[in-house]
Protein backbone atom coordinates (compact mmCIF):
# COMPACT_ATOMS: atom_id res chain seq x y z
CA MET A 1 77.67 168.63 -151.25
CA GLU A 2 78.98 170.89 -153.99
CA LYS A 3 82.23 171.40 -152.07
CA LYS A 4 82.72 167.64 -151.72
CA LYS A 5 82.16 167.14 -155.42
CA SER A 6 84.73 169.74 -156.32
CA VAL A 7 87.31 168.08 -154.06
CA LEU A 8 86.71 164.68 -155.67
CA ALA A 9 86.77 166.21 -159.12
CA GLY A 10 90.16 167.74 -158.42
CA PHE A 11 91.61 164.51 -157.08
CA LYS A 12 94.09 162.85 -159.44
CA TRP A 13 94.90 159.22 -158.82
CA ARG A 14 98.55 158.29 -158.96
CA TRP A 15 99.95 154.77 -159.26
CA GLU A 16 102.27 155.49 -156.33
CA TYR A 17 99.22 155.68 -154.03
CA PHE A 18 98.37 152.09 -154.90
CA LEU A 19 101.97 151.02 -154.21
CA VAL A 20 101.87 152.68 -150.79
CA ILE A 21 98.61 150.81 -150.04
CA LEU A 22 100.29 147.55 -151.07
CA LEU A 23 103.28 148.28 -148.84
CA ILE A 24 101.02 149.01 -145.85
CA ALA A 25 99.03 145.84 -146.56
CA GLU A 26 102.27 143.82 -146.47
CA PHE A 27 103.13 145.22 -143.06
CA ILE A 28 99.67 144.38 -141.74
CA ILE A 29 99.54 140.85 -143.19
CA PHE A 30 103.08 139.71 -142.44
CA GLY A 31 103.11 141.54 -139.09
CA SER A 32 100.02 139.61 -137.99
CA LEU A 33 101.47 136.30 -139.21
CA ASN A 34 104.88 136.86 -137.59
CA PRO A 35 105.42 139.80 -135.18
CA ARG A 36 109.17 139.70 -135.91
CA PHE A 37 108.37 141.30 -139.25
CA LEU A 38 107.51 144.53 -137.41
CA ASN A 39 110.72 144.57 -135.40
CA PRO A 40 112.46 147.79 -136.58
CA PHE A 41 115.97 146.34 -136.19
CA ILE A 42 115.17 143.13 -138.09
CA LEU A 43 113.18 144.98 -140.73
CA MET A 44 115.88 147.58 -141.32
CA ASN A 45 118.60 144.99 -141.69
CA SER A 46 116.46 142.84 -143.98
CA ILE A 47 116.69 145.62 -146.56
CA ASN A 48 120.38 144.78 -146.99
CA ASN A 49 119.34 141.57 -148.74
CA PHE A 50 117.56 143.30 -151.62
CA ILE A 51 119.25 146.71 -151.84
CA PRO A 52 120.96 145.75 -155.17
CA VAL A 53 117.55 145.35 -156.81
CA CYS A 54 116.43 148.70 -155.38
CA ILE A 55 119.50 150.55 -156.66
CA VAL A 56 119.75 149.06 -160.14
CA SER A 57 116.02 149.32 -160.84
CA LEU A 58 116.17 153.10 -160.32
CA PHE A 59 118.41 153.57 -163.35
CA VAL A 60 116.98 150.75 -165.45
CA THR A 61 113.85 152.92 -165.22
CA TYR A 62 115.71 155.54 -167.29
CA VAL A 63 116.48 152.93 -169.95
CA ILE A 64 112.92 151.65 -170.22
CA ILE A 65 111.44 155.16 -170.34
CA THR A 66 113.46 155.78 -173.52
CA GLY A 67 111.82 152.67 -174.98
CA GLY A 68 114.84 150.45 -174.35
CA MET A 69 115.51 147.36 -172.27
CA ASP A 70 118.39 146.31 -170.00
CA ILE A 71 118.76 142.69 -168.89
CA GLN A 72 122.54 142.71 -168.44
CA ALA A 73 122.73 144.46 -165.06
CA GLY A 74 123.01 141.20 -163.11
CA SER A 75 126.01 140.08 -165.17
CA ILE A 76 127.70 143.46 -164.65
CA MET A 77 127.32 143.01 -160.88
CA GLY A 78 129.22 139.73 -160.97
CA LEU A 79 131.90 141.08 -163.31
CA THR A 80 132.44 144.13 -161.10
CA SER A 81 132.64 142.03 -157.96
CA ILE A 82 135.30 139.67 -159.26
CA CYS A 83 137.27 142.51 -160.89
CA VAL A 84 137.47 144.37 -157.59
CA GLY A 85 138.61 141.19 -155.84
CA VAL A 86 141.28 140.35 -158.43
CA LEU A 87 142.56 143.93 -158.59
CA TRP A 88 142.93 144.10 -154.82
CA GLN A 89 144.15 140.62 -153.89
CA LYS A 90 146.04 139.44 -156.97
CA MET A 91 147.34 142.70 -158.41
CA GLY A 92 147.97 144.61 -155.19
CA VAL A 93 145.81 147.60 -156.11
CA ASN A 94 144.61 149.78 -153.23
CA ILE A 95 141.08 148.68 -152.29
CA TRP A 96 139.55 152.13 -152.88
CA LEU A 97 141.22 152.44 -156.27
CA ALA A 98 139.94 148.93 -157.04
CA VAL A 99 136.42 150.09 -156.14
CA LEU A 100 136.75 153.09 -158.47
CA LEU A 101 138.03 150.87 -161.29
CA GLY A 102 135.14 148.48 -160.63
CA ILE A 103 132.66 151.31 -161.17
CA LEU A 104 134.49 152.22 -164.38
CA VAL A 105 134.07 148.60 -165.53
CA GLY A 106 130.31 148.95 -165.15
CA ALA A 107 130.31 152.27 -166.98
CA LEU A 108 132.33 150.73 -169.82
CA CYS A 109 129.94 147.77 -170.11
CA GLY A 110 126.99 150.15 -170.27
CA LEU A 111 128.82 152.34 -172.78
CA ILE A 112 129.52 149.43 -175.16
CA SER A 113 125.92 148.24 -175.13
CA GLY A 114 124.56 151.78 -175.25
CA MET A 115 126.64 152.70 -178.30
CA LEU A 116 125.46 149.65 -180.23
CA ILE A 117 121.85 150.36 -179.33
CA ALA A 118 121.91 154.12 -179.83
CA TYR A 119 124.14 154.46 -182.89
CA ALA A 120 123.92 151.09 -184.65
CA LYS A 121 120.21 150.95 -183.74
CA VAL A 122 120.26 147.26 -182.86
CA GLN A 123 117.33 146.00 -180.78
CA PRO A 124 118.01 146.67 -177.06
CA MET A 125 116.79 143.21 -176.05
CA VAL A 126 119.26 141.54 -178.43
CA ILE A 127 122.23 143.67 -177.35
CA THR A 128 121.63 143.43 -173.61
CA LEU A 129 120.93 139.69 -173.85
CA GLY A 130 124.25 139.32 -175.66
CA GLY A 131 125.85 141.61 -173.09
CA SER A 132 124.47 139.43 -170.31
CA PHE A 133 126.21 136.35 -171.74
CA LEU A 134 129.37 138.30 -172.58
CA TYR A 135 129.84 139.91 -169.17
CA SER A 136 128.95 136.76 -167.24
CA GLY A 137 131.51 134.92 -169.39
CA LEU A 138 134.15 137.56 -168.72
CA ALA A 139 133.38 137.26 -165.01
CA LEU A 140 134.57 133.64 -165.26
CA VAL A 141 137.59 134.43 -167.44
CA VAL A 142 139.00 137.16 -165.15
CA PRO A 143 139.53 134.93 -162.08
CA ALA A 144 140.84 132.07 -164.27
CA LEU A 145 143.54 134.35 -165.68
CA ALA A 146 144.43 135.43 -162.15
CA GLY A 147 144.67 131.84 -160.92
CA VAL A 148 141.52 132.02 -158.79
CA VAL A 149 138.95 129.21 -158.61
CA ALA A 150 135.75 130.99 -159.64
CA TYR A 151 133.31 129.16 -157.39
CA GLN A 152 135.49 129.75 -154.31
CA GLY A 153 135.69 133.47 -154.92
CA ILE A 154 137.97 135.96 -153.20
CA THR A 155 137.70 136.68 -149.47
CA ASN A 156 139.54 138.41 -146.61
CA PHE A 157 138.73 141.95 -147.71
CA PRO A 158 139.93 144.81 -145.47
CA PRO A 159 137.57 145.70 -142.58
CA GLU A 160 137.15 149.25 -143.90
CA PHE A 161 135.84 147.87 -147.21
CA GLN A 162 133.37 145.54 -145.50
CA GLU A 163 132.22 148.47 -143.38
CA ILE A 164 130.71 150.04 -146.53
CA ALA A 165 127.77 147.65 -146.40
CA ALA A 166 127.97 146.27 -142.86
CA GLY A 167 128.25 149.62 -141.07
CA ASN A 168 125.53 152.01 -139.97
CA ILE A 169 124.98 155.63 -139.05
CA ALA A 170 122.73 156.27 -136.03
CA GLY A 171 121.37 152.74 -136.36
CA ILE A 172 120.51 153.12 -140.04
CA PRO A 173 122.44 150.65 -142.25
CA ASN A 174 124.83 152.28 -144.71
CA GLN A 175 123.17 150.45 -147.59
CA VAL A 176 119.83 152.04 -146.76
CA ILE A 177 121.48 155.47 -146.68
CA ILE A 178 123.18 154.82 -150.03
CA PHE A 179 119.86 153.77 -151.55
CA ALA A 180 118.11 156.86 -150.18
CA VAL A 181 120.81 159.15 -151.58
CA LEU A 182 120.68 157.47 -155.01
CA LEU A 183 116.87 157.64 -154.98
CA ILE A 184 116.98 161.40 -154.38
CA LEU A 185 119.67 161.93 -157.02
CA SER A 186 117.87 159.79 -159.60
CA PHE A 187 114.60 161.64 -158.90
CA ILE A 188 116.22 165.04 -159.35
CA LEU A 189 118.03 163.98 -162.52
CA LEU A 190 114.96 162.42 -164.13
CA HIS A 191 112.18 164.73 -163.03
CA LEU A 192 113.79 168.11 -162.38
CA THR A 193 116.37 168.57 -165.15
CA LYS A 194 116.44 169.10 -168.92
CA TYR A 195 118.22 165.77 -169.26
CA GLY A 196 115.24 164.02 -167.67
CA ARG A 197 112.78 165.79 -169.95
CA LYS A 198 114.82 164.64 -172.93
CA ILE A 199 114.55 161.04 -171.72
CA PHE A 200 110.76 161.29 -171.58
CA LEU A 201 110.53 163.00 -174.97
CA ILE A 202 112.63 160.27 -176.58
CA GLY A 203 110.35 157.65 -175.06
CA VAL A 204 107.23 159.35 -176.34
CA ASN A 205 108.51 159.86 -179.87
CA ARG A 206 112.18 159.59 -180.77
CA ASN A 207 111.76 161.10 -184.24
CA THR A 208 110.02 164.16 -182.85
CA ALA A 209 112.76 164.50 -180.22
CA GLU A 210 115.41 164.45 -182.97
CA TYR A 211 113.57 167.08 -185.00
CA SER A 212 113.43 169.29 -181.92
CA GLY A 213 117.23 169.26 -181.76
CA ILE A 214 117.81 166.63 -179.07
CA LYS A 215 120.83 164.41 -179.65
CA THR A 216 118.82 161.29 -178.99
CA ALA A 217 121.61 158.77 -179.56
CA ARG A 218 123.79 160.42 -176.94
CA VAL A 219 120.96 160.53 -174.39
CA VAL A 220 119.95 156.90 -175.01
CA MET A 221 123.56 155.76 -174.68
CA SER A 222 123.95 157.67 -171.41
CA THR A 223 121.03 155.81 -169.82
CA TYR A 224 122.82 152.49 -170.34
CA VAL A 225 125.99 153.97 -168.85
CA LEU A 226 124.06 155.05 -165.75
CA SER A 227 122.49 151.60 -165.51
CA GLY A 228 125.94 150.01 -165.76
CA ILE A 229 127.31 152.27 -163.02
CA ALA A 230 124.35 151.41 -160.77
CA ALA A 231 124.97 147.70 -161.40
CA SER A 232 128.64 148.13 -160.45
CA ILE A 233 127.74 149.96 -157.25
CA SER A 234 125.37 147.10 -156.39
CA GLY A 235 128.07 144.53 -157.15
CA ILE A 236 130.49 146.34 -154.84
CA LEU A 237 127.87 146.53 -152.08
CA LEU A 238 127.17 142.80 -152.44
CA THR A 239 130.89 142.07 -152.23
CA SER A 240 131.27 144.26 -149.16
CA TYR A 241 128.15 142.87 -147.45
CA LEU A 242 128.99 139.19 -148.01
CA GLY A 243 132.75 139.65 -147.62
CA THR A 244 133.52 137.75 -150.79
CA ALA A 245 133.86 138.47 -154.51
CA LYS A 246 132.18 136.01 -156.86
CA PRO A 247 131.43 136.09 -160.60
CA ASP A 248 127.84 134.89 -160.20
CA PHE A 249 126.64 137.76 -158.01
CA GLY A 250 123.46 139.21 -159.48
CA ALA A 251 122.82 136.24 -161.78
CA ASP A 252 119.30 135.77 -160.41
CA LEU A 253 118.38 139.46 -160.04
CA THR A 254 117.45 140.33 -163.63
CA LEU A 255 113.77 139.43 -163.31
CA PRO A 256 113.27 141.15 -159.92
CA ILE A 257 114.86 144.31 -161.36
CA ILE A 258 112.60 144.39 -164.42
CA THR A 259 109.60 143.50 -162.24
CA ALA A 260 110.34 146.40 -159.90
CA VAL A 261 110.51 148.84 -162.81
CA VAL A 262 107.27 147.63 -164.42
CA LEU A 263 105.42 147.29 -161.11
CA GLY A 264 106.56 150.82 -160.30
CA GLY A 265 104.48 152.13 -163.18
CA THR A 266 107.05 152.48 -165.96
CA SER A 267 105.60 151.67 -169.37
CA ILE A 268 107.49 149.03 -171.34
CA TYR A 269 106.60 151.06 -174.43
CA GLY A 270 108.52 154.07 -173.13
CA GLY A 271 107.60 157.67 -172.38
CA LYS A 272 106.22 157.05 -168.89
CA GLY A 273 107.82 156.25 -165.55
CA ASN A 274 108.73 157.44 -162.07
CA VAL A 275 111.70 156.47 -159.90
CA ILE A 276 109.62 156.93 -156.74
CA GLY A 277 107.25 154.25 -158.02
CA THR A 278 110.20 152.04 -158.91
CA GLY A 279 111.72 152.47 -155.45
CA LEU A 280 108.40 151.62 -153.76
CA ALA A 281 107.93 148.58 -156.00
CA ALA A 282 111.44 147.31 -155.22
CA LEU A 283 110.70 147.61 -151.49
CA ILE A 284 107.39 145.81 -151.95
CA ILE A 285 109.10 142.89 -153.69
CA GLY A 286 111.92 142.77 -151.14
CA PHE A 287 109.65 142.93 -148.10
CA MET A 288 107.32 140.34 -149.64
CA LYS A 289 110.18 137.84 -150.02
CA PHE A 290 111.40 138.62 -146.52
CA GLY A 291 107.90 138.16 -145.10
CA LEU A 292 107.42 134.89 -146.96
CA THR A 293 110.73 133.66 -145.53
CA LEU A 294 109.62 134.54 -141.99
CA ILE A 295 106.39 132.56 -142.32
CA GLY A 296 108.26 129.54 -143.63
CA VAL A 297 107.70 129.65 -147.39
CA ASN A 298 110.52 127.95 -149.28
CA ALA A 299 112.68 130.33 -151.34
CA GLN A 300 112.02 128.39 -154.56
CA TYR A 301 108.30 129.22 -154.32
CA GLN A 302 108.65 132.91 -153.49
CA ASP A 303 108.66 134.07 -157.10
CA ILE A 304 105.10 132.77 -157.54
CA PRO A 305 103.36 135.45 -155.41
CA VAL A 306 105.67 138.10 -156.87
CA GLY A 307 104.58 137.10 -160.39
CA ILE A 308 100.92 137.10 -159.34
CA LEU A 309 101.35 140.54 -157.78
CA LEU A 310 102.90 141.89 -160.97
CA ILE A 311 100.09 140.55 -163.18
CA LEU A 312 97.34 141.81 -160.87
CA SER A 313 99.02 145.21 -160.59
CA LEU A 314 99.22 145.56 -164.36
CA ILE A 315 95.52 144.69 -164.63
CA ILE A 316 94.61 147.22 -161.94
CA ASN A 317 96.83 149.85 -163.57
CA PHE A 318 95.10 149.26 -166.91
CA MET A 319 91.67 149.54 -165.31
CA ILE A 320 92.56 152.73 -163.45
CA HIS A 321 93.80 154.42 -166.62
CA SER A 322 90.89 153.19 -168.71
CA LYS A 323 88.41 155.75 -170.01
CA VAL A 324 85.55 154.13 -168.07
CA PHE A 325 87.31 154.63 -164.72
CA GLN A 326 88.23 158.21 -165.59
CA LYS A 327 84.61 159.00 -166.49
CA ILE A 328 83.42 157.59 -163.15
CA MET A 329 85.94 159.76 -161.28
CA LYS A 330 84.83 162.86 -163.20
CA LYS A 331 81.19 162.19 -162.36
CA LYS A 332 82.03 161.98 -158.68
């Protein structure tokens, strides 16, 4: 009995365990309602539909850990997409150079917002909301200047470009591989480097971080640049996957991105977060919408269970980290 008590006493609950349980529960519930949900080929390819949320949410996690907010990622996706299309089709730029320039567009967007937030110390919500309108507006101006009808978009991309998202390696879609690589890189950068520790310290107490010699403004600005780059990568993947460049790509992804970050266990007050949790949460949201589609739930109603899940998860998270729960675990 004493040995069992010591094992329980040493057990430390992590929010990621709850997310894994939720993910398993989804597989059980949706698999029983529609066996196609458990088909490995269908399931693997369904991930392509929500990979942009998975990728962007990883680096928006960085922003929120510092105590910031980023709601402009969706607009950057659309701007990147149409810029790549215009550069390639209307200006004759090599498609791979156009892709590189598209990523630079995202970095520049993040840099502009990050500088205003970090150095001018304007509220992140205000700046990124303004950035959202600005970049979505620019995404409409760019094709107009190039003589392209925005709603029609740009198509007929080279096969090698479309292969970025449509291809696979050993049966695993390229988009899944890209997400896995970015997940590993974002984990290493945030949790195993000095840069990551600086991000957490700034989120806990920015003044203390400054007194300890950390150049907080530079670090905060860099998180928005990373978020912008991630948004651009997602915009390029969307363009490659759908075979068309449009300015409205990502317009409806802002809320799922923020939901994935918060559901993943990142505190909106800063100082706490984990990209593994964010990645799991993004998969939970994506698989939930896919499962709801398979059982015949209309797309316009699918945000309701996602919202309920987020609220319930926050309540459970609060209860788990409450002093009462911790005392019960210690007694066991």
